[in-house]
Structures are given as structure tokens and as C-alpha cells.
Protein backbone atom coordinates (compact mmCIF):
# COMPACT_ATOMS: atom_id res chain seq x y z
CA MET A 1 -3.61 53.96 21.67
CA ILE A 2 -4.65 50.45 20.51
CA PRO A 3 -5.71 50.39 16.99
CA PHE A 4 -9.39 49.63 16.68
CA ILE A 5 -8.35 48.58 13.40
CA ASP A 6 -4.39 48.22 12.23
CA LEU A 7 -4.17 49.15 8.77
CA LYS A 8 -1.21 50.19 8.94
CA LYS A 9 0.72 47.52 10.12
CA GLN A 10 -1.02 45.94 7.01
CA TYR A 11 0.30 48.66 4.52
CA ASN A 12 3.78 47.87 6.03
CA LEU A 13 3.53 44.42 4.34
CA ILE A 14 2.37 45.49 1.19
CA ARG A 15 4.20 49.32 0.79
CA ASP A 16 6.45 48.38 -1.91
CA ASP A 17 3.21 46.60 -4.17
CA VAL A 18 0.68 49.56 -3.24
CA ILE A 19 3.25 52.07 -4.20
CA ALA A 20 4.65 50.50 -7.29
CA GLY A 21 0.61 49.81 -8.16
CA ILE A 22 -0.28 53.76 -7.78
CA ASP A 23 3.04 54.81 -9.56
CA ARG A 24 2.01 52.62 -13.09
CA VAL A 25 -1.37 54.37 -12.63
CA LEU A 26 0.38 57.45 -12.65
CA GLU A 27 2.38 57.10 -15.34
CA SER A 28 -0.34 55.30 -17.40
CA GLY A 29 -2.60 58.68 -17.05
CA HIS A 30 -5.47 56.06 -17.00
CA TYR A 31 -6.96 57.38 -13.59
CA ILE A 32 -10.88 56.34 -14.56
CA LEU A 33 -11.18 52.72 -15.72
CA GLY A 34 -7.70 52.03 -16.28
CA GLU A 35 -6.79 48.17 -16.88
CA GLU A 36 -6.47 47.91 -12.93
CA VAL A 37 -10.08 48.03 -12.74
CA GLY A 38 -10.78 45.31 -15.49
CA GLU A 39 -7.89 43.01 -13.74
CA LEU A 40 -9.30 43.82 -10.41
CA ASP A 41 -12.85 42.78 -11.82
CA ARG A 42 -11.62 39.57 -12.99
CA GLN A 43 -9.79 38.58 -9.86
CA LEU A 44 -12.99 39.15 -7.77
CA ALA A 45 -14.93 36.97 -10.24
CA GLU A 46 -12.38 34.17 -9.61
CA TYR A 47 -12.01 34.83 -6.19
CA THR A 48 -15.83 34.45 -5.50
CA GLY A 49 -16.59 31.54 -8.00
CA VAL A 50 -19.17 34.14 -10.15
CA ARG A 51 -19.24 34.76 -13.90
CA TYR A 52 -19.27 38.53 -13.46
CA ALA A 53 -17.71 41.09 -11.10
CA LEU A 54 -18.23 44.78 -11.25
CA SER A 55 -16.45 46.91 -9.57
CA CYS A 56 -17.77 50.57 -8.81
CA SER A 57 -17.54 53.65 -6.38
CA SER A 58 -19.02 52.08 -2.74
CA GLY A 59 -21.06 49.36 -1.30
CA THR A 60 -24.10 51.94 -1.40
CA ASP A 61 -23.81 52.40 -4.94
CA ALA A 62 -23.23 48.43 -5.42
CA LEU A 63 -27.21 48.10 -3.41
CA SER A 64 -28.15 50.85 -5.68
CA MET A 65 -27.05 49.42 -8.97
CA ALA A 66 -28.26 46.34 -7.85
CA LEU A 67 -31.98 47.41 -7.07
CA MET A 68 -31.83 49.35 -10.14
CA ALA A 69 -30.53 46.30 -12.64
CA LEU A 70 -33.63 44.53 -11.07
CA GLU A 71 -36.34 47.46 -11.41
CA ILE A 72 -37.04 47.78 -8.02
CA GLY A 73 -39.45 51.01 -8.08
CA PRO A 74 -42.44 52.36 -6.42
CA GLY A 75 -45.41 50.04 -5.23
CA ASP A 76 -42.60 47.34 -4.62
CA ALA A 77 -41.77 45.83 -1.53
CA VAL A 78 -38.23 45.02 -0.29
CA PHE A 79 -38.01 42.75 2.90
CA THR A 80 -34.83 43.22 4.84
CA THR A 81 -33.31 43.32 8.37
CA PRO A 82 -33.87 46.19 10.47
CA PHE A 83 -30.54 45.41 12.11
CA THR A 84 -27.83 46.91 9.71
CA PHE A 85 -25.96 49.76 8.31
CA PHE A 86 -28.47 52.77 6.79
CA ALA A 87 -27.23 52.32 3.18
CA THR A 88 -29.32 48.84 3.02
CA PRO A 89 -32.99 50.34 3.39
CA GLU A 90 -31.65 54.12 2.32
CA THR A 91 -31.00 52.20 -1.15
CA VAL A 92 -34.09 50.76 -1.36
CA ALA A 93 -36.11 54.05 -0.47
CA LEU A 94 -34.22 55.95 -3.23
CA THR A 95 -35.62 54.03 -6.15
CA GLY A 96 -38.97 55.08 -4.62
CA ALA A 97 -39.89 51.38 -3.35
CA THR A 98 -40.84 50.53 0.25
CA PRO A 99 -38.33 48.59 2.68
CA VAL A 100 -40.08 46.15 5.10
CA PHE A 101 -38.53 44.55 7.93
CA ALA A 102 -38.14 41.54 9.37
CA ASP A 103 -36.63 40.34 12.39
CA ILE A 104 -33.04 38.50 13.14
CA ASP A 105 -31.81 35.70 14.46
CA GLU A 106 -30.57 36.33 18.33
CA LYS A 107 -27.35 34.05 18.05
CA THR A 108 -26.27 35.68 14.34
CA TYR A 109 -27.52 38.76 14.28
CA ASN A 110 -28.61 38.10 11.03
CA LEU A 111 -32.52 37.78 9.06
CA ASP A 112 -34.58 35.33 10.79
CA PRO A 113 -35.97 33.24 7.64
CA VAL A 114 -39.17 32.49 9.93
CA LYS A 115 -39.96 36.34 10.75
CA LEU A 116 -39.16 36.69 7.13
CA GLU A 117 -41.77 34.71 5.34
CA GLU A 118 -44.18 36.20 8.08
CA ALA A 119 -43.56 39.41 7.25
CA ILE A 120 -43.90 38.22 3.01
CA GLU A 121 -47.33 36.96 3.93
CA LYS A 122 -48.52 39.97 5.48
CA VAL A 123 -47.81 42.57 2.70
CA ILE A 124 -49.52 39.79 0.42
CA LYS A 125 -52.62 39.70 2.51
CA GLU A 126 -52.61 43.68 2.79
CA GLY A 127 -52.10 43.69 -0.90
CA LYS A 128 -50.97 47.35 -0.87
CA LEU A 129 -47.46 46.67 -1.78
CA LYS A 130 -45.76 44.18 -4.67
CA PRO A 131 -43.32 42.00 -2.84
CA LYS A 132 -40.02 41.94 -5.24
CA CYS A 133 -36.73 41.35 -3.87
CA ILE A 134 -34.87 40.15 -0.46
CA ILE A 135 -31.79 41.96 1.08
CA PRO A 136 -29.89 40.04 3.34
CA VAL A 137 -27.12 41.49 4.83
CA ASP A 138 -24.23 39.19 5.88
CA LEU A 139 -23.72 41.30 9.61
CA PHE A 140 -20.25 41.24 10.96
CA GLY A 141 -18.96 38.87 8.37
CA GLN A 142 -21.39 35.74 8.97
CA CYS A 143 -23.34 34.98 5.68
CA ALA A 144 -26.99 34.58 6.51
CA ASP A 145 -28.74 31.39 6.03
CA TYR A 146 -29.33 31.46 2.18
CA ALA A 147 -30.30 27.96 1.89
CA ALA A 148 -33.71 28.73 3.51
CA ILE A 149 -33.89 32.75 1.95
CA ARG A 150 -33.44 31.04 -1.50
CA VAL A 151 -36.40 28.44 -0.77
CA ILE A 152 -38.50 31.36 0.51
CA ALA A 153 -37.53 33.48 -2.51
CA ASP A 154 -38.10 30.63 -4.99
CA LYS A 155 -41.44 30.30 -2.97
CA TYR A 156 -42.74 33.68 -3.65
CA SER A 157 -40.85 34.47 -7.02
CA LEU A 158 -38.16 36.85 -5.48
CA LYS A 159 -34.99 38.40 -6.39
CA ILE A 160 -32.05 37.92 -3.66
CA VAL A 161 -29.96 41.05 -3.16
CA GLN A 162 -26.97 39.73 -0.66
CA ASP A 163 -25.24 42.40 1.49
CA ALA A 164 -22.12 41.39 1.74
CA CYS A 165 -20.80 44.89 2.18
CA GLN A 166 -19.24 43.33 5.37
CA ALA A 167 -18.40 39.78 4.14
CA PHE A 168 -16.59 39.61 1.02
CA GLY A 169 -15.02 36.03 1.27
CA ALA A 170 -17.35 34.72 4.04
CA LYS A 171 -18.58 30.77 3.29
CA ASP A 172 -21.55 29.04 4.23
CA PRO A 173 -21.98 25.59 4.78
CA SER A 174 -22.21 25.07 0.92
CA GLY A 175 -19.01 26.63 0.44
CA LYS A 176 -20.15 28.99 -1.75
CA VAL A 177 -18.24 32.69 -0.87
CA ALA A 178 -19.83 35.61 -0.55
CA PRO A 179 -21.28 37.36 -2.19
CA SER A 180 -22.07 34.53 -4.63
CA HIS A 181 -25.42 33.88 -2.68
CA GLY A 182 -27.75 35.89 -4.47
CA ASP A 183 -28.97 36.63 -7.95
CA ILE A 184 -26.91 39.69 -7.64
CA GLY A 185 -24.33 40.34 -4.76
CA CYS A 186 -22.90 43.27 -3.54
CA THR A 187 -19.91 44.33 -0.99
CA SER A 188 -17.77 47.44 -0.15
CA PHE A 189 -14.60 48.22 -0.06
CA PHE A 190 -14.14 50.65 2.45
CA PRO A 191 -10.99 51.19 4.20
CA ALA A 192 -12.42 49.20 7.41
CA LYS A 193 -13.79 46.41 5.76
CA PRO A 194 -12.10 43.00 5.50
CA LEU A 195 -11.09 44.00 2.06
CA GLY A 196 -10.70 47.45 2.19
CA CYS A 197 -9.18 50.25 -0.13
CA TYR A 198 -7.72 53.72 0.63
CA GLY A 199 -10.85 55.61 0.08
CA ASP A 200 -14.63 54.71 -0.81
CA GLY A 201 -15.03 51.03 -3.33
CA GLY A 202 -17.53 48.59 -3.57
CA ALA A 203 -18.43 45.69 -6.36
CA VAL A 204 -21.35 43.52 -7.88
CA PHE A 205 -21.48 40.01 -8.34
CA THR A 206 -23.85 37.98 -10.57
CA ASP A 207 -24.18 34.97 -12.50
CA ASP A 208 -26.84 36.22 -14.94
CA GLU A 209 -25.48 37.60 -18.10
CA GLU A 210 -28.60 40.01 -18.75
CA LEU A 211 -28.16 41.33 -14.96
CA TYR A 212 -24.36 42.50 -15.70
CA LYS A 213 -24.79 44.11 -18.77
CA LYS A 214 -27.53 46.46 -17.02
CA MET A 215 -25.34 46.85 -14.47
CA TYR A 216 -22.33 47.57 -16.54
CA SER A 217 -24.96 49.94 -18.15
CA ILE A 218 -26.10 51.98 -14.96
CA LEU A 219 -22.15 51.98 -13.88
CA VAL A 220 -21.53 55.06 -16.36
CA HIS A 221 -24.75 57.26 -16.82
CA GLY A 222 -26.67 54.34 -18.61
CA ARG A 223 -24.22 53.77 -21.27
CA SER A 224 -25.01 51.87 -24.30
CA ALA A 225 -22.81 49.41 -25.26
CA GLU A 226 -22.58 50.38 -29.00
CA ASP A 227 -21.79 54.54 -28.29
CA LYS A 228 -21.24 56.03 -24.87
CA TYR A 229 -23.33 59.14 -25.97
CA ASP A 230 -26.47 56.91 -26.54
CA ASN A 231 -27.64 56.53 -23.19
CA GLU A 232 -29.88 53.72 -22.98
CA ARG A 233 -31.41 54.21 -19.03
CA ILE A 234 -31.15 56.49 -16.21
CA GLY A 235 -27.53 55.22 -14.47
CA LEU A 236 -25.11 56.91 -11.73
CA ASN A 237 -21.69 57.72 -12.10
CA ALA A 238 -20.22 54.85 -9.64
CA ARG A 239 -17.02 53.88 -11.61
CA LEU A 240 -14.39 52.67 -8.95
CA ASP A 241 -10.99 54.86 -10.08
CA THR A 242 -8.09 53.22 -11.22
CA ILE A 243 -5.94 54.27 -8.20
CA GLN A 244 -8.06 52.21 -5.71
CA ALA A 245 -8.06 49.30 -8.30
CA ALA A 246 -4.23 49.26 -8.00
CA VAL A 247 -4.46 49.04 -4.08
CA LEU A 248 -7.03 46.33 -4.05
CA LEU A 249 -5.07 44.24 -6.41
CA ALA A 250 -2.03 44.58 -3.64
CA LYS A 251 -4.31 44.05 -0.94
CA LEU A 252 -6.03 40.86 -2.70
CA LYS A 253 -2.75 38.80 -2.26
CA LEU A 254 -2.66 38.81 1.63
CA PHE A 255 -6.49 38.41 2.18
CA PRO A 256 -6.87 34.87 2.03
CA GLY A 257 -4.19 34.82 4.89
CA GLU A 258 -5.78 37.25 6.52
CA VAL A 259 -9.10 35.55 6.23
CA GLU A 260 -7.03 32.49 8.42
CA LYS A 261 -5.87 35.22 10.78
CA ARG A 262 -8.70 36.55 11.88
CA GLN A 263 -10.11 33.11 12.72
CA THR A 264 -7.18 33.09 15.06
CA VAL A 265 -8.04 36.58 16.53
CA ALA A 266 -11.31 35.74 17.09
CA GLN A 267 -10.76 32.14 18.62
CA ALA A 268 -8.70 34.11 21.45
CA TYR A 269 -11.49 36.03 21.97
CA MET A 270 -13.76 33.55 22.39
CA GLU A 271 -11.17 32.06 25.09
CA GLU A 272 -10.11 34.86 26.88
CA LEU A 273 -14.16 36.58 27.27
CA ALA A 274 -15.76 33.18 28.15
CA GLY A 275 -18.01 33.88 31.15
CA LEU A 276 -17.56 37.37 30.58
CA VAL A 277 -19.88 38.79 28.07
CA SER A 278 -22.14 36.99 25.58
CA LEU A 279 -20.20 36.26 22.79
CA PRO A 280 -20.89 36.25 18.88
CA VAL A 281 -22.09 32.93 17.41
CA ILE A 282 -21.00 31.56 14.37
CA GLN A 283 -23.14 28.53 12.71
CA PRO A 284 -21.90 25.36 12.02
CA GLY A 285 -20.42 25.45 8.62
CA ASN A 286 -20.16 29.23 7.95
CA LEU A 287 -16.96 30.89 7.61
CA SER A 288 -16.95 34.37 9.30
CA VAL A 289 -14.48 36.82 8.22
CA TRP A 290 -15.15 38.94 11.21
CA ALA A 291 -15.26 42.26 9.76
CA GLN A 292 -16.52 43.20 13.73
CA PHE A 293 -16.34 41.64 17.16
CA CYS A 294 -19.65 42.10 18.57
CA PRO A 295 -20.48 40.50 22.16
CA ARG A 296 -23.11 41.78 24.22
CA SER A 297 -23.34 42.80 27.85
CA ALA A 298 -25.94 44.86 30.33
CA LYS A 299 -22.90 46.34 31.76
CA PHE A 300 -21.70 47.68 27.84
CA ALA A 301 -21.65 51.29 28.78
CA ALA A 302 -19.34 50.90 32.08
CA ILE A 303 -17.09 48.16 29.91
CA GLN A 304 -16.52 50.78 27.28
CA GLU A 305 -15.24 53.64 29.82
CA ALA A 306 -13.23 51.16 31.48
CA LEU A 307 -11.68 50.40 27.84
CA LYS A 308 -11.38 53.81 26.89
CA GLN A 309 -9.61 54.48 30.50
CA ASN A 310 -7.22 52.12 29.47
CA ASP A 311 -6.45 53.18 25.94
CA ILE A 312 -8.25 50.71 24.14
CA PRO A 313 -11.02 51.87 21.52
CA SER A 314 -14.35 50.38 20.98
CA ALA A 315 -17.44 51.17 19.04
CA ARG A 316 -21.12 50.05 18.47
CA TYR A 317 -22.78 48.43 15.68
CA TYR A 318 -25.93 49.29 15.41
CA PRO A 319 -27.31 51.35 18.65
CA ILE A 320 -30.39 52.36 17.04
CA PRO A 321 -32.77 50.03 14.40
CA MET A 322 -33.57 50.76 11.08
CA HIS A 323 -36.78 51.04 11.94
CA LEU A 324 -36.88 53.47 14.64
CA LEU A 325 -34.67 56.25 12.36
CA LYS A 326 -36.07 59.50 12.07
CA ALA A 327 -35.18 58.98 8.50
CA MET A 328 -37.76 55.54 8.32
CA LYS A 329 -40.16 57.39 10.66
CA TYR A 330 -42.62 57.36 7.67
CA LEU A 331 -42.78 53.56 7.17
CA GLY A 332 -45.00 53.92 10.79
CA TYR A 333 -43.08 51.29 12.60
CA LYS A 334 -42.69 51.54 16.34
CA GLU A 335 -40.63 50.50 19.41
CA GLY A 336 -41.76 46.89 20.05
CA ASP A 337 -42.03 45.76 16.43
CA PHE A 338 -38.75 43.86 16.42
CA PRO A 339 -38.09 42.64 19.71
CA VAL A 340 -34.74 40.63 19.14
CA THR A 341 -32.96 43.57 17.26
CA GLU A 342 -34.33 46.19 20.09
CA ALA A 343 -32.89 44.04 22.83
CA CYS A 344 -29.70 43.06 20.76
CA ALA A 345 -29.29 47.46 19.89
CA LYS A 346 -29.28 47.82 23.48
CA ASP A 347 -26.43 46.31 24.65
CA ILE A 348 -23.99 44.99 21.60
CA PHE A 349 -20.98 46.48 21.23
CA ALA A 350 -17.56 46.36 19.49
CA LEU A 351 -13.90 45.87 20.15
CA PRO A 352 -10.90 46.02 18.14
CA MET A 353 -10.59 43.47 15.30
CA HIS A 354 -8.16 43.07 12.76
CA PRO A 355 -5.65 40.24 11.55
CA TYR A 356 -2.72 41.39 13.16
CA LEU A 357 -4.37 41.74 16.99
CA ASP A 358 -1.79 39.97 19.08
CA ARG A 359 -3.12 37.63 21.69
CA GLU A 360 -1.43 39.78 24.71
CA ILE A 361 -3.89 42.92 23.76
CA ILE A 362 -6.85 40.85 23.66
CA HIS A 363 -5.64 39.07 26.96
CA LYS A 364 -5.48 42.72 28.21
CA ILE A 365 -9.22 43.55 27.01
CA ALA A 366 -10.20 40.57 28.51
CA THR A 367 -8.62 42.18 31.63
CA VAL A 368 -10.48 45.31 31.89
CA ILE A 369 -13.76 43.80 31.23
CA ALA A 370 -13.34 41.56 33.94
CA SER A 371 -12.52 44.42 35.96
CA VAL A 372 -16.00 45.42 35.28
CA VAL A 373 -18.05 42.39 34.95
CA GLY A 374 -16.61 40.59 37.82
């Protein structure tokens, strides 16, 4: 069986560093907030070019911390994409705020700035909710259009929380590294992510000292900087454990080279699959970290079955748009509200993607797909 993501091959390259790092943690006995966590935060901030990075227990908690720091709550509208993982609107709903969706760009699968502004204007006209925040999602590893989104955010005095849970290390035409594009950036270190640990993990990023201090407090039950037992706000238990920090420090050494390898793998797919399926589009000036490689085809079901028969795994991200999920039914959306998202969801599928995927395997995948589509 060809692995969908080959974590074992990666582990073999850093095995000694990982084991040594874990051993140091075990010897120190500092399993929570040990020195590796602080060192990881320092290196994450340096890599992304932000003033402050704060590691946490998951990408979901990163989003929650960001929204809590911005004091998002009941009566607030938070604008985001319906084509994402559920954690994006879920964390908004958990604050008591209302997720408001806007359709996506058909080429990039990311938030369409034109549709975003239309959604904001509609909320303002209705007068029931207060526009407060935008959560663009850097889907599949490519940055959203932050140049356009920032103009809109400034026009309506909205904050930006960058959901780069699939895109740590991606770049837009400005050269800025995700997730440094928002007032707060968030990422995930789930094992399948471009930079992943061996469990759950995430981080928040900001240049704003006040927001950093709030998230530092929220990270551990709303702790006070002066007295950890004098909690000053409602918070979370969202710490990254020290062993996962040690793993990420080892992986971070490989990461820049892996991003380059992902470009080679993606280019091989583009060449091998040309004319067979609708290929993903990277906007000029963008550097995707290719968390997933997701083409589209009306024959996706037959393609997936043929791949399965040849021991090649595949997946689907995301077959049900957020506005059509049972959990989001209370928002009142219906089928047809976001036609571009719904069209993508109907025929998109994902192929194996990782830095160590051989051209020979990609050719085999393309041959199987060609046997289906002709």
C-alpha cells in the first residue's frame, strides 16, 4: 500500500534527533511547559517573522484562543469560508458569535474577497449582528488573498484571524510567511500537517503585545502574569506538552527542505495529470506548502475506486460544505447559497501528498486515473 502521507520515511531521517529530544525531556521531568516549549516558540516566531509565537495543544485551540483574545462573543458576526474543516466555524460558534459565510474563488478554493465584502454589507444592512472579525482559511497550503482582505478589513474596522492550520510556512506575493498575515495567526501541528508533531499541537502568532499577553493568559486557565492562582479571565487548558515541542524542534530542521520537495512533487503531479483532471491553481507570487493535492473530476468516484483497487489511497476534502452540516443548520443557510463551494465539494478529491513521494509512484497514480477518464 502506498502511504497517503509517509511519516515513517520522514521519521527515519530524524530518528536520532527525535529520540534524543524526548530523552532529554524524560530526564528533566518537565513534561509541561519545559524549556523545549519556550525554545520552540522562539524558533516559530523567527521562522514566520512575527514578534510573538505561542504554542498550544491544537489548531482548534489556537483559533479559540485568538477569538477569545479579541473578545468575540454573542451578537458578533465572524466572516469565513464554507469550504474548510469544521473547526473554523465551530470555534466561532463556541464563543457565542455567529459564523457568516462567503463563497470561495473557484481556482484557489479560498475566500473570494468580492463575496466577502458582499456578506459584510448584507450583515450591516440587516442590522442584527455586529461585524467583528474575518477568518480567511489558507486551504490546502495556499495563502488566501490577504492584500485584498486587509483592505476590506480596514474599511469595515474588522480584525483578521488567519486560519493557516494547513499552511504553516506558505508565502503570498508580499513574501510574508503564514501565519503572519493577520492580527492573529493560527496553525495546527496535527501529524498530517506540513509541519506536524506526533500528537495534537498548534500555535498562535501575533505582532501585538497586548494580544499576546491575553493569549498567554488564556493558554493556562486565564492565568495572571503576577500570580498563577489569581486568574484574571476565563481561559483554557491549551498547553503544548514538552515532548511534542521536542519532536517539533527536530522536525523544524527538515522543514525548509521539505517545502522545496513538496514543490517538486506538486509539479510532477501537474505534469502527469495534465488533461486528465481539473488541477489546483497556485496564484502568481504564492508559495503553497501543499498540505494536500486536490484535483477535481466528475469521475472522482470511479477514480477513487480504481486507485483503491491498485492499493493507492485517496480522500475527500471536503464533501459537505460547512453551511450544509447538521451542526450549522441553525444558521438558516440552504443548498444553493454558495454555488462555487457546493460545486467544488461535489467533485474534489485528494491524492497522496508528502515530500518523499517518488515520480514513479506519481506516474502510476496518473496511469490509473487515465484508465478511468480516457
